[in-house]
Amino acid sequence: MLTGLPGAGPVLVACSGGADSLALAAATAFVAPRLGRPAGLVTVDHGLQPGSAEQAEAVAAWARAAGLDPVEVLPVRVDGRPGGPESAAREARYEALVAAARRHHAAGVLLGHTRDDQAETVLLALARGAGPRGLSGMPQRRDVDGVPLLRPLLDLARSDTRAACAALGLDPWADPHNVDPAYARARVRADALPALVDALGPGVVANLARTAGLLAAENAALAALADNALADVRTEGGGLSVAGLAELPAAVRTRVLHAWARELGAAPAALSHTHVAALDALVTAWRGQGPVYLPGGHQVRRQAGHLLP
């Protein structure tokens, strides 16, 4: 995954010091120079627990000793962000990673998510009632503001990264949040997924991850159809044609409405199935209802055969 990246800038490993990202950082420190690509490391200090700053500095010191350059600690502020603590921490983390990549003119940022993380993501999406977009899990590559975020370990088990750390004599950090039952992912990791493995066999983790890959391919095809459909139903004044929307298959129409709502300024994290369903009702179940209110104070109304912002 280090080949084919743009430019000659470094790849940056996002490393917490846990087994997954530490194994990835060690592998990158070995492989990248042999491919002619500089490699560095960034570690995010969320400031959510005592000693987090010291832990981040310890990871940075290890990285410098391993020959990674540049190395940077990224303090972030999580309090005051919308959503739950997991969502707020994730948003702050990715903002910091993308900003660091821009500062260092990085070719990409490597993330240490494994097949087990992918299976947990699918289970969490199922619990939320997510559609194909959510069930497709984490992509191997996603570009954010022009910065490639890459997950080269998605086909590997978490046990593989732990074994790699043991073989290399590395001592991974055990993040207390990973076993804190206050966090949904920690409960899935400690209870839900092991229960499924006990009931259905060890192949369930790989099967959940495979399901994410299959749905990701199908979701990409639907997304392409929706992009074309959105262009076709646009009208003057920034609206959409109700007649044009009504002719679309439901799976495509809801994606068109979701994409349009984001264009209007609705934050993706706050834009829910309920909002999209209300927009869809303006098309398919019109009874003269009033406007639909979207996150961020935006509203959409139906008027003279159009959806208008």
Protein backbone atom coordinates (compact mmCIF):
# COMPACT_ATOMS: atom_id res chain seq x y z
CA MET A 1 0.00 0.00 0.00
CA LEU A 2 3.05 2.26 0.10
CA THR A 3 3.41 2.09 -3.66
CA GLY A 4 1.44 4.31 -5.99
CA LEU A 5 1.13 7.20 -3.54
CA PRO A 6 1.45 10.73 -4.93
CA GLY A 7 4.56 12.86 -4.55
CA ALA A 8 7.77 12.16 -2.69
CA GLY A 9 6.58 13.16 0.77
CA PRO A 10 6.68 10.86 3.79
CA VAL A 11 4.02 8.42 4.86
CA LEU A 12 2.91 9.06 8.41
CA VAL A 13 1.88 6.24 10.73
CA ALA A 14 -0.87 7.18 13.19
CA CYS A 15 0.29 5.33 16.31
CA SER A 16 -1.28 5.21 19.75
CA GLY A 17 1.29 2.74 21.06
CA GLY A 18 -1.19 -0.14 21.03
CA ALA A 19 -0.26 -3.46 19.44
CA ASP A 20 -1.94 -2.79 16.08
CA SER A 21 -0.47 0.63 15.35
CA LEU A 22 2.89 -0.22 16.96
CA ALA A 23 3.30 -3.27 14.73
CA LEU A 24 2.34 -1.14 11.73
CA ALA A 25 4.87 1.53 12.70
CA ALA A 26 7.65 -1.03 13.08
CA ALA A 27 6.83 -2.62 9.72
CA THR A 28 6.73 0.80 8.06
CA ALA A 29 10.07 1.77 9.56
CA PHE A 30 11.54 -1.35 7.94
CA VAL A 31 9.76 -1.34 4.59
CA ALA A 32 9.46 2.34 3.63
CA PRO A 33 13.19 3.12 3.29
CA ARG A 34 13.61 0.04 1.09
CA LEU A 35 10.93 1.43 -1.21
CA GLY A 36 12.60 4.83 -1.29
CA ARG A 37 9.82 6.44 0.70
CA PRO A 38 10.49 8.45 3.91
CA ALA A 39 8.29 7.52 6.84
CA GLY A 40 7.29 9.35 10.00
CA LEU A 41 4.91 8.93 12.92
CA VAL A 42 2.24 11.02 14.58
CA THR A 43 0.56 10.18 17.88
CA VAL A 44 -2.59 11.88 19.13
CA ASP A 45 -2.99 12.89 22.76
CA HIS A 46 -6.73 13.13 23.41
CA GLY A 47 -6.15 14.30 26.98
CA LEU A 48 -8.92 12.03 28.24
CA GLN A 49 -7.02 10.18 30.96
CA PRO A 50 -4.18 10.82 33.42
CA GLY A 51 -0.77 10.24 31.91
CA SER A 52 -1.91 10.59 28.29
CA ALA A 53 0.74 13.22 27.53
CA GLU A 54 3.50 11.00 28.94
CA GLN A 55 2.23 8.04 26.93
CA ALA A 56 2.24 10.09 23.73
CA GLU A 57 5.80 11.27 24.40
CA ALA A 58 6.92 7.67 25.03
CA VAL A 59 5.53 6.63 21.64
CA ALA A 60 7.28 9.57 19.99
CA ALA A 61 10.60 8.69 21.67
CA TRP A 62 10.33 5.09 20.44
CA ALA A 63 9.58 6.32 16.92
CA ARG A 64 12.64 8.56 16.83
CA ALA A 65 14.82 5.69 18.05
CA ALA A 66 13.33 3.48 15.31
CA GLY A 67 14.47 5.98 12.67
CA LEU A 68 11.08 7.45 11.81
CA ASP A 69 11.09 11.09 10.77
CA PRO A 70 9.19 13.37 11.16
CA VAL A 71 7.71 12.47 14.54
CA GLU A 72 5.06 14.63 16.15
CA VAL A 73 2.74 14.55 19.17
CA LEU A 74 -0.70 15.98 18.36
CA PRO A 75 -2.65 17.26 21.41
CA VAL A 76 -6.38 17.63 20.67
CA ARG A 77 -9.41 18.95 22.53
CA VAL A 78 -12.39 16.59 22.68
CA ASP A 79 -14.69 18.43 25.10
CA GLY A 80 -17.41 20.56 23.57
CA ARG A 81 -17.72 18.62 20.33
CA PRO A 82 -21.11 17.27 19.25
CA GLY A 83 -21.97 13.58 19.58
CA GLY A 84 -20.86 11.02 22.12
CA PRO A 85 -17.32 10.74 23.50
CA GLU A 86 -16.23 8.12 20.96
CA SER A 87 -17.50 10.17 18.03
CA ALA A 88 -15.99 13.40 19.38
CA ALA A 89 -12.60 11.77 19.96
CA ARG A 90 -12.62 10.25 16.47
CA GLU A 91 -13.50 13.58 14.86
CA ALA A 92 -10.76 15.40 16.76
CA ARG A 93 -8.24 12.67 15.90
CA TYR A 94 -8.89 12.71 12.17
CA GLU A 95 -8.81 16.51 12.03
CA ALA A 96 -5.38 16.44 13.68
CA LEU A 97 -4.08 13.67 11.42
CA VAL A 98 -5.15 15.44 8.23
CA ALA A 99 -3.68 18.74 9.44
CA ALA A 100 -0.36 17.02 10.28
CA ALA A 101 -0.27 15.36 6.87
CA ARG A 102 -0.69 18.75 5.23
CA ARG A 103 2.05 20.33 7.35
CA HIS A 104 4.52 17.61 6.43
CA HIS A 105 3.35 17.32 2.79
CA ALA A 106 2.72 13.64 3.49
CA ALA A 107 1.80 11.19 0.76
CA GLY A 108 -0.67 9.51 3.11
CA VAL A 109 -1.48 8.49 6.68
CA LEU A 110 -1.38 4.82 7.69
CA LEU A 111 -3.97 3.60 10.21
CA GLY A 112 -3.62 0.38 12.20
CA HIS A 113 -7.17 -1.01 11.99
CA THR A 114 -7.34 -4.79 11.68
CA ARG A 115 -9.89 -7.36 10.54
CA ASP A 116 -11.18 -7.53 14.14
CA ASP A 117 -11.80 -3.78 14.13
CA GLN A 118 -13.72 -4.18 10.88
CA ALA A 119 -15.91 -6.92 12.37
CA GLU A 120 -16.64 -4.73 15.40
CA THR A 121 -17.56 -1.85 13.12
CA VAL A 122 -20.05 -4.02 11.23
CA LEU A 123 -21.68 -5.19 14.47
CA LEU A 124 -22.00 -1.62 15.73
CA ALA A 125 -23.54 -0.58 12.41
CA LEU A 126 -26.02 -3.46 12.63
CA ALA A 127 -27.01 -2.37 16.12
CA ARG A 128 -27.69 1.16 14.84
CA GLY A 129 -29.83 -0.14 11.99
CA ALA A 130 -27.39 1.20 9.42
CA GLY A 131 -27.83 0.66 5.71
CA PRO A 132 -25.23 -0.52 3.18
CA ARG A 133 -23.13 2.60 3.68
CA GLY A 134 -22.63 1.87 7.38
CA LEU A 135 -22.38 -1.89 6.98
CA SER A 136 -19.60 -1.51 4.42
CA GLY A 137 -17.34 -0.68 7.36
CA MET A 138 -13.99 1.03 7.05
CA PRO A 139 -12.48 1.36 3.57
CA GLN A 140 -8.88 0.41 2.86
CA ARG A 141 -8.42 3.90 1.46
CA ARG A 142 -10.36 7.10 2.01
CA ASP A 143 -9.28 10.56 0.93
CA VAL A 144 -10.09 13.38 3.35
CA ASP A 145 -9.43 16.90 2.07
CA GLY A 146 -6.96 15.43 -0.41
CA VAL A 147 -5.09 13.34 2.20
CA PRO A 148 -5.16 9.55 1.66
CA LEU A 149 -6.00 7.61 4.82
CA LEU A 150 -4.81 4.02 4.35
CA ARG A 151 -5.52 0.85 6.32
CA PRO A 152 -2.97 -1.78 5.26
CA LEU A 153 -3.82 -4.23 8.10
CA LEU A 154 -7.54 -4.72 7.39
CA ASP A 155 -6.94 -8.29 6.19
CA LEU A 156 -4.90 -9.23 9.28
CA ALA A 157 -6.17 -10.47 12.63
CA ARG A 158 -5.47 -8.57 15.84
CA SER A 159 -3.62 -11.64 17.08
CA ASP A 160 -1.15 -11.18 14.20
CA THR A 161 -0.16 -7.69 15.36
CA ARG A 162 0.28 -8.90 18.93
CA ALA A 163 2.45 -11.76 17.71
CA ALA A 164 4.51 -9.33 15.62
CA CYS A 165 5.11 -7.08 18.64
CA ALA A 166 6.17 -10.09 20.72
CA ALA A 167 8.56 -11.27 18.00
CA LEU A 168 10.11 -7.79 17.78
CA GLY A 169 10.39 -7.37 21.55
CA LEU A 170 7.97 -4.43 21.57
CA ASP A 171 5.83 -3.66 24.62
CA PRO A 172 2.46 -2.32 23.41
CA TRP A 173 0.39 0.09 25.46
CA ALA A 174 -2.98 -1.20 26.70
CA ASP A 175 -5.44 1.69 26.32
CA PRO A 176 -7.87 1.57 29.31
CA HIS A 177 -10.66 2.88 27.06
CA ASN A 178 -10.48 -0.35 25.04
CA VAL A 179 -11.85 -2.28 28.04
CA ASP A 180 -14.06 0.44 29.54
CA PRO A 181 -17.70 -0.76 29.36
CA ALA A 182 -18.83 2.86 29.09
CA TYR A 183 -17.83 2.67 25.42
CA ALA A 184 -19.95 0.71 22.95
CA ARG A 185 -16.96 -0.61 20.99
CA ALA A 186 -15.35 -1.89 24.18
CA ARG A 187 -18.53 -3.82 25.01
CA VAL A 188 -18.62 -5.30 21.52
CA ARG A 189 -14.96 -6.28 21.80
CA ALA A 190 -15.23 -7.80 25.27
CA ASP A 191 -18.68 -9.41 25.11
CA ALA A 192 -20.68 -9.32 21.87
CA LEU A 193 -18.08 -10.52 19.38
CA PRO A 194 -16.66 -13.27 21.63
CA ALA A 195 -20.23 -14.50 22.21
CA LEU A 196 -20.75 -14.72 18.44
CA VAL A 197 -17.47 -16.59 18.04
CA ASP A 198 -18.52 -19.04 20.76
CA ALA A 199 -21.93 -19.57 19.13
CA LEU A 200 -20.95 -19.58 15.45
CA GLY A 201 -17.26 -20.46 15.35
CA PRO A 202 -14.02 -18.53 14.83
CA GLY A 203 -14.80 -17.79 11.17
CA VAL A 204 -17.42 -15.21 12.16
CA VAL A 205 -14.84 -12.41 12.43
CA ALA A 206 -13.51 -12.95 8.92
CA ASN A 207 -17.05 -13.39 7.59
CA LEU A 208 -18.20 -10.09 9.07
CA ALA A 209 -15.19 -8.35 7.55
CA ARG A 210 -15.86 -10.04 4.20
CA THR A 211 -19.46 -8.87 4.32
CA ALA A 212 -18.20 -5.31 4.76
CA GLY A 213 -16.05 -5.67 1.64
CA LEU A 214 -18.92 -7.02 -0.46
CA LEU A 215 -21.27 -4.27 0.66
CA ALA A 216 -18.61 -1.63 0.04
CA ALA A 217 -18.40 -2.68 -3.61
CA GLU A 218 -22.18 -2.59 -4.01
CA ASN A 219 -22.44 0.71 -2.17
CA ALA A 220 -19.84 2.22 -4.50
CA ALA A 221 -21.93 1.19 -7.50
CA LEU A 222 -25.08 2.70 -5.99
CA ALA A 223 -23.20 5.86 -5.09
CA ALA A 224 -22.10 6.28 -8.72
CA LEU A 225 -25.71 5.87 -9.87
CA ALA A 226 -26.81 8.42 -7.29
CA ASP A 227 -24.19 10.95 -8.43
CA ASN A 228 -25.51 10.77 -11.98
CA ALA A 229 -29.12 10.90 -10.80
CA LEU A 230 -28.48 13.98 -8.66
CA ALA A 231 -27.14 15.80 -11.69
CA ASP A 232 -30.24 14.80 -13.70
CA VAL A 233 -32.83 16.01 -11.16
CA ARG A 234 -31.26 19.36 -10.33
CA THR A 235 -33.36 22.42 -11.12
CA GLU A 236 -32.75 26.15 -11.17
CA GLY A 237 -32.42 27.79 -7.80
CA GLY A 238 -30.61 24.85 -6.23
CA GLY A 239 -33.67 22.62 -5.97
CA LEU A 240 -34.56 19.11 -7.12
CA SER A 241 -37.34 17.92 -9.41
CA VAL A 242 -39.97 15.94 -7.50
CA ALA A 243 -41.05 14.14 -10.70
CA GLY A 244 -37.47 13.18 -11.46
CA LEU A 245 -36.90 11.93 -7.92
CA ALA A 246 -40.10 9.88 -7.98
CA GLU A 247 -38.89 7.91 -10.99
CA LEU A 248 -35.72 6.76 -9.21
CA PRO A 249 -35.43 3.42 -7.37
CA ALA A 250 -35.72 4.00 -3.63
CA ALA A 251 -32.12 2.93 -2.96
CA VAL A 252 -30.85 5.54 -5.42
CA ARG A 253 -33.35 8.26 -4.46
CA THR A 254 -32.45 8.18 -0.76
CA ARG A 255 -28.77 8.45 -1.65
CA VAL A 256 -29.54 11.46 -3.84
CA LEU A 257 -31.42 13.11 -0.99
CA HIS A 258 -28.63 12.30 1.48
CA ALA A 259 -25.98 13.79 -0.81
CA TRP A 260 -28.10 16.88 -1.49
CA ALA A 261 -28.72 17.44 2.22
CA ARG A 262 -24.97 17.38 2.79
CA GLU A 263 -24.53 19.92 -0.01
CA LEU A 264 -26.99 22.18 1.78
CA GLY A 265 -24.75 22.10 4.85
CA ALA A 266 -26.16 19.31 7.00
CA ALA A 267 -23.29 17.79 8.99
CA PRO A 268 -22.77 14.14 7.96
CA ALA A 269 -22.42 12.98 11.56
CA ALA A 270 -25.78 14.53 12.51
CA LEU A 271 -27.67 13.64 9.31
CA SER A 272 -29.71 10.56 10.19
CA HIS A 273 -32.05 8.09 8.52
CA THR A 274 -34.95 10.03 10.04
CA HIS A 275 -33.95 13.21 8.18
CA VAL A 276 -33.58 11.41 4.85
CA ALA A 277 -36.87 9.56 5.34
CA ALA A 278 -38.64 12.89 5.96
CA LEU A 279 -37.15 14.28 2.75
CA ASP A 280 -38.24 11.16 0.90
CA ALA A 281 -41.78 11.63 2.23
CA LEU A 282 -41.90 15.03 0.52
CA VAL A 283 -41.53 13.06 -2.71
CA THR A 284 -43.39 9.80 -2.14
CA ALA A 285 -45.95 10.62 0.58
CA TRP A 286 -46.86 14.23 -0.09
CA ARG A 287 -49.84 15.37 2.02
CA GLY A 288 -49.13 19.07 2.10
CA GLN A 289 -46.76 18.72 5.06
CA GLY A 290 -44.49 21.53 6.11
CA PRO A 291 -40.74 21.83 5.65
CA VAL A 292 -38.19 19.25 6.78
CA TYR A 293 -35.63 20.64 9.22
CA LEU A 294 -32.07 19.40 8.75
CA PRO A 295 -29.10 19.57 11.15
CA GLY A 296 -27.45 22.96 11.16
CA GLY A 297 -30.68 24.93 10.88
CA HIS A 298 -31.32 24.15 7.21
CA GLN A 299 -34.78 23.38 5.91
CA VAL A 300 -36.29 21.89 2.75
CA ARG A 301 -39.81 22.50 1.47
CA ARG A 302 -41.83 21.20 -1.45
CA GLN A 303 -43.20 23.87 -3.76
CA ALA A 304 -44.55 23.74 -7.32
CA GLY A 305 -43.14 20.29 -8.02
CA HIS A 306 -39.70 21.02 -6.59
CA LEU A 307 -37.78 20.42 -3.39
CA LEU A 308 -36.30 23.77 -2.45
CA PRO A 309 -33.79 24.78 0.24
